[in-house]
Each structure stands twice: as structure tokens, then as C-alpha cells.
C-alpha atoms as a PDB file:
ATOM      1  CA  UNK A   1     -13.317  -7.161  -9.183  1.00  0.00           C
ATOM      2  CA  UNK A   2      -9.893  -6.424 -10.610  1.00  0.00           C
ATOM      3  CA  UNK A   3     -11.001  -2.882 -11.418  1.00  0.00           C
ATOM      4  CA  UNK A   4     -12.179  -2.329  -7.838  1.00  0.00           C
ATOM      5  CA  UNK A   5      -8.868  -3.619  -6.469  1.00  0.00           C
ATOM      6  CA  UNK A   6      -6.969  -1.355  -8.862  1.00  0.00           C
ATOM      7  CA  UNK A   7      -8.973   1.687  -7.740  1.00  0.00           C
ATOM      8  CA  UNK A   8      -8.478   0.835  -4.067  1.00  0.00           C
ATOM      9  CA  UNK A   9      -4.778   0.269  -4.628  1.00  0.00           C
ATOM     10  CA  UNK A  10      -4.476   3.633  -6.364  1.00  0.00           C
ATOM     11  CA  UNK A  11      -6.124   5.335  -3.408  1.00  0.00           C
ATOM     12  CA  UNK A  12      -3.918   3.395  -1.000  1.00  0.00           C
ATOM     13  CA  UNK A  13      -0.798   4.363  -2.945  1.00  0.00           C
ATOM     14  CA  UNK A  14      -1.813   8.021  -2.736  1.00  0.00           C
ATOM     15  CA  UNK A  15      -2.379   7.774   1.016  1.00  0.00           C
ATOM     16  CA  UNK A  16       0.905   5.941   1.466  1.00  0.00           C
ATOM     17  CA  UNK A  17       2.785   8.541  -0.545  1.00  0.00           C
ATOM     18  CA  UNK A  18       1.315  11.365   1.532  1.00  0.00           C
ATOM     19  CA  UNK A  19       1.735   9.666   4.916  1.00  0.00           C
ATOM     20  CA  UNK A  20       5.162   8.092   4.448  1.00  0.00           C
ATOM     21  CA  UNK A  21       6.563  10.576   1.943  1.00  0.00           C
ATOM     22  CA  UNK A  22       7.595   8.051  -0.677  1.00  0.00           C
ATOM     23  CA  UNK A  23       6.175   6.356  -3.750  1.00  0.00           C
ATOM     24  CA  UNK A  24       5.011   2.793  -3.194  1.00  0.00           C
ATOM     25  CA  UNK A  25       6.171   0.848  -6.240  1.00  0.00           C
ATOM     26  CA  UNK A  26       5.432  -2.793  -6.953  1.00  0.00           C
ATOM     27  CA  UNK A  27       8.807  -3.455  -8.581  1.00  0.00           C
ATOM     28  CA  UNK A  28      10.597  -2.345  -5.417  1.00  0.00           C
ATOM     29  CA  UNK A  29       8.378  -4.076  -2.867  1.00  0.00           C
ATOM     30  CA  UNK A  30       6.828  -7.182  -4.485  1.00  0.00           C
ATOM     31  CA  UNK A  31       6.146  -8.947  -1.174  1.00  0.00           C
ATOM     32  CA  UNK A  32       4.696  -5.855   0.495  1.00  0.00           C
ATOM     33  CA  UNK A  33       2.638  -5.194  -2.637  1.00  0.00           C
ATOM     34  CA  UNK A  34       1.230  -8.729  -2.410  1.00  0.00           C
ATOM     35  CA  UNK A  35       0.371  -8.313   1.286  1.00  0.00           C
ATOM     36  CA  UNK A  36      -1.036  -4.845   0.570  1.00  0.00           C
ATOM     37  CA  UNK A  37      -3.457  -6.151  -2.071  1.00  0.00           C
ATOM     38  CA  UNK A  38      -4.506  -9.077   0.146  1.00  0.00           C
ATOM     39  CA  UNK A  39      -5.243  -6.898   3.185  1.00  0.00           C
ATOM     40  CA  UNK A  40      -6.782  -3.898   1.421  1.00  0.00           C
ATOM     41  CA  UNK A  41     -10.378  -4.438   2.515  1.00  0.00           C
ATOM     42  CA  UNK A  42     -10.912  -2.421   5.707  1.00  0.00           C
ATOM     43  CA  UNK A  43      -7.346  -2.663   7.025  1.00  0.00           C
ATOM     44  CA  UNK A  44      -5.902   0.743   6.092  1.00  0.00           C
ATOM     45  CA  UNK A  45      -4.352   1.385   9.516  1.00  0.00           C
ATOM     46  CA  UNK A  46      -2.357  -1.860   9.301  1.00  0.00           C
ATOM     47  CA  UNK A  47      -1.283  -1.126   5.735  1.00  0.00           C
ATOM     48  CA  UNK A  48      -0.060   2.343   6.670  1.00  0.00           C
ATOM     49  CA  UNK A  49       1.843   0.864   9.600  1.00  0.00           C
ATOM     50  CA  UNK A  50       3.505  -1.658   7.250  1.00  0.00           C
ATOM     51  CA  UNK A  51       4.382   1.027   4.699  1.00  0.00           C
ATOM     52  CA  UNK A  52       5.772   3.318   7.409  1.00  0.00           C
ATOM     53  CA  UNK A  53       7.923   0.467   8.753  1.00  0.00           C
ATOM     54  CA  UNK A  54       9.330  -0.117   5.258  1.00  0.00           C
ATOM     55  CA  UNK A  55      10.015   3.603   4.867  1.00  0.00           C
ATOM     56  CA  UNK A  56      12.005   3.739   8.124  1.00  0.00           C
ATOM     57  CA  UNK A  57      14.261   0.776   7.323  1.00  0.00           C
END
């Protein structure tokens, strides 16, 4: 299970980096990282919206 989450997170990080133009790093966004991992399954549009909001602020 942990391996699957890691693979999904890697893919999500890549998408986030392309869409928002920045590198999503756990040490910088621990709370967002936690939410990100909890919502990963089938909620990519919400995750991208969250990451884009963080990028703007």
C-alpha cells in the first residue's frame, strides 16, 4: 500500500510541478502534503486546485 501511495504521489508531484510551475516539497508544505496524501484517490482536480491556490499566495 505504501508503495502505491508513493507512486501516486510521485505522479501527482509531477502533475503539480507542470501545472503550477513549482516543485511540491513536503518540508515546505507539511499540512498540504498530509491533505494531498489523504485525498489522492480519484480527487486530482481538487488537489490541483489546492496546489494552485498555494502557488498564488
